[in-house]
Structures are given as structure tokens and as C-alpha cells.
Amino acid sequence: MPPQQPGQPGRRPGPRPMPGGGMPPPAYGQQEPPPGYGQQQPPPGYGRQEPPQRPGGYGGPGYEQQPGFFDGGGGPSDHDPYFDDEPPKRKRRFGGCLAVLVAMAVVVGGFYFVGDRAVDYVKDMVAPPADFAGPGTDPVSFEVHKGDSVSAVGRNLKEAGVVQSVDAFIDAANTEGLTVQVGFYPLKKEMKAADAVEVLANPENIDTVNVTITEGSRAKAIYKVLAEKTGKKPADFKKAAQDTEAIGLPDYAKGNVEGYLFPATYAFPPDATPTDMLSMMIDRWEQALGDNDIEARAKQLKCGDGKACTAEQIMTVASLVEAEGRGDDMAKISRVIYNRLDPKVDDGATNGTLGIDASNAYGVGKSGTTELTSAELAKDTPYDTRRKAGLPPTPIGSPGDNAIQAALNPANGKWLFYVTVNLKTGETKFAKTNEEFLKYKREFQKYCETKAC
């Protein structure tokens, strides 16, 4: 049926002529057609309606014109399917059916995919986490770091190939209530998670070389301690210290490790080399360097001639403080050192010399707690602080955190001298003048008369 114009009823086609020119019988309820109806031309628009014309041309929407009854020859055809005994046959088209079948297949496939994924998800939720059957293959030396959580240990174990999944390890650890101590543990690749937990739960399984380096220790003494703990020779560590690039020594240390082997307790792996051990100690010093912001804060202090201190000089001051003081006295001893280096404070009382015997002892190769002879004190070395002004050329030992903090934060005061008047308690008194210093020195001598010094 041709398209309708808005507001106009559509026309209904009248009876069509039968083959041979006759007319079909009137339809039920339809009036007799007027004479000559069969000989007349169909009215315009019977098979094809022309779009109504508006002034100025048609302005309505375009559409596709459908073939009319009389298209293709101008008259009726010899065979009209509308008046046969059977309904008109239509051309079979498979495109629409095929599209429906494809759409149904997509929907069914989608349901299958979603259902399959849902089943997998449920299986994952219900099934136990992946776990090796054990007992394990190749040996692994596994390290538990300070501050590692159970999940962090599980991730590291999986990365090392010890356990198959983190969840399996966490489940086993929660079952056992696992607490792990820092250190190296002898494990194997492809272990059952519960077996790995059993090894980690026992501190006796820790496979490490534990070494404690005390504050103020010198490099020579450190080599000896390391050799005793590892079964190596002190010469092995001395040789390793010469490869400053391999151990990570800073350039301003000028090739001397003294002062940069940080005092702490270390858990070295069983296969660690002397280079590895010294490198770990310097790494720990670098941590202190960053934690205390040494390089930036050094510039806020003066280390002689009005010049700002360097990080190396801060380490030297800290080593002197470590050798000479303890507790709250460290910050005061630090202030004495800076005051003696400052000519505005010194006023010529010490001529810029430090007078620290621990440095003189280092120069002659003796312990800082050993009393020096007159000959040893008179010996000319770069570390002679009685006759040479300024700081010694390098640190004289390994300062700890407290000494470094004291070197960076000296107490307020104009002291130039200090004397330990009681060796048992470590009581130390500070003086601003030489007369006051001599008074405290006599107090110390009196102490030595009654106590063995």
C-alpha cells in the first residue's frame, strides 16, 4: 500500500479484472460496479500513488518507490496469483533466518562462556590454593629481612620457587601461628608450604654468620672480628677494603675505610665474601648518612678557618666524640671540638689544637683507652692533636648513631676543656678556662690516688 499523507485516508483498491476481460463477482457487501468499469483505465495511483505536489515542489521526506501493479508492460499479466486457488508464492529468503540463528548461537555461546567462567570462579573460591607436593628439589638459602610480614615472606618464597602460591603459604602460616626471625634459612625449591613453614618457625634453623661490630671499633679490629666469625683471614678483608669501588666507599673517604664500616649486628649469608661483608657495612653507613642528612647539615657547621664542614669532617668529629664521650656528654664534647676550631671562641687558649689523646693513640697504633708514654705523645704523626691544629686527616674509628647525632647537634656553651674525674662512673666536667681545667685535673689525680687508674 502506498504511503499515506498525514491527515488523508488511504485508498483501498477496487476489484481487479479477471483474465480474458471479465469481472469477478461482487465481493460480499460490495455494490455493483458502474457500467464499463472493466474497460476503463485504472485511476491514477491504483498501483502507484504519486506524491502530492505542494507549491514550489515536494518538500516531504524521500522514500523508496515500490513497483506498481501496471509496472513492466502497461497491462495485466496472463497470470495473477491473487485469483488462483492457492495463495501467492513468495520468494524464499534465508538471510533473516540465518541472522536469527547466528544471534541465537551468540546468546547461547555467551551463556556458556559466562557459565563456564562462573564455574571456574566458584572452583577457585572452593578449591585449595596451589601447593607443591614436596619434599623439594634444589637447595635455596632464603633470607627473611627485618620488618617482613608473613605475606611478604610468602611472596619472596614464591619468587624464589620455594612454594607454588602465596595463599598456600599464608594458610599454612596461619595454621601454625608462624613468627619468623630475621636471617637465612636452608630451604629447597618446590617445597610443600607446610614444610617451609616448619623450617621457618624454628630459629635454630637460621643459617647465618652473626657478627656484632661495636661503636668506636677501628678497621683493623673489625677485620679480626670478621675473620674469627667466618674462618677467613684478616688479610682477606684488608685486601677487599682496597677495592673501594666494589665495596661502595664514597669518594671523599679518599680510599680509607676507617669510620665507614658502620657498627651494628650483621647477619651475613653463609656464602658471603669479604667484599660482600664490607659492602653491607658501608651500605649501613649510607643509611645513617641519609637518615641524618649528613651532607646537607654539615654545611651549617664550621670546621676551622670559618669554612663549612664536609661530610668527611663530620665523620671525623663523630669518631672523636665516640672515642672520648658517652651519653649526654657527647654533645658537650662535640661543642668543645668546634669551639677549639673556632678562633673567635678559642681566644688563643689552645691555638686551635684539640688535645685529644685518643687521636694521638691512633697515630701510634695503640688503643684509645691506653695511657700513652711521653715518647708516644711526642711522636710526630698526622694524628697528633697536641701540636697540630685542626682535625686529624681521617676518622679514628667507626662512630655510631649517637656520636653522629652529637657531631651534627653540638650543645650550646663556650667550653674549651673537659676532664673525666671518675673512670668508674664516667663523670666528666667541662671548663671554659685553663684555670678551671687545672682544678678538675687535680680532682682526677686525687681519684687515681685512691682508685687504680
Foldseek 3Di string as FASTA:
>chain_A
DDDDDPPDDDDDADFAADPPQHGDPDDVPDDDDDPPPSVDDDDPCNFFHDDDADVPGDDDDDDDGDGGQCPDPNDHDNDDQVPDPDHDDDDDDCVVVVVVVVVVVVVVVVVVVVVVVVVVVVCVVPPQDDWFPDPADAKDWDWDDPPQDLLNSLVSCCVVQAIVHSRQLVVLCVVVVADADTAIAIGHHRHGSNVVSVRRRDPVRGAWQKFFFDFLAWLQVVLVRVCVRLVHHSVQLVVLLQPCVLLVPDVVQVSDCFQQQAGGIDTHHNPDGSSRNSSVSNVVSVVLCVVVVQQVLQQVADFAPRGGGGSQVLSQLLSLLRLQADDPCSLQLLVLLSLLRDCVLCVPQQPQFQPQVCLLCLQVVHHSVDDDDPVSLPDDGLSNRNPDHGTRPGHSHHHHSVSSVSNSRHDDDSFNDKDQQDPVVRDMDTDNHPVVRVVSVVSSVVVCVVPPD
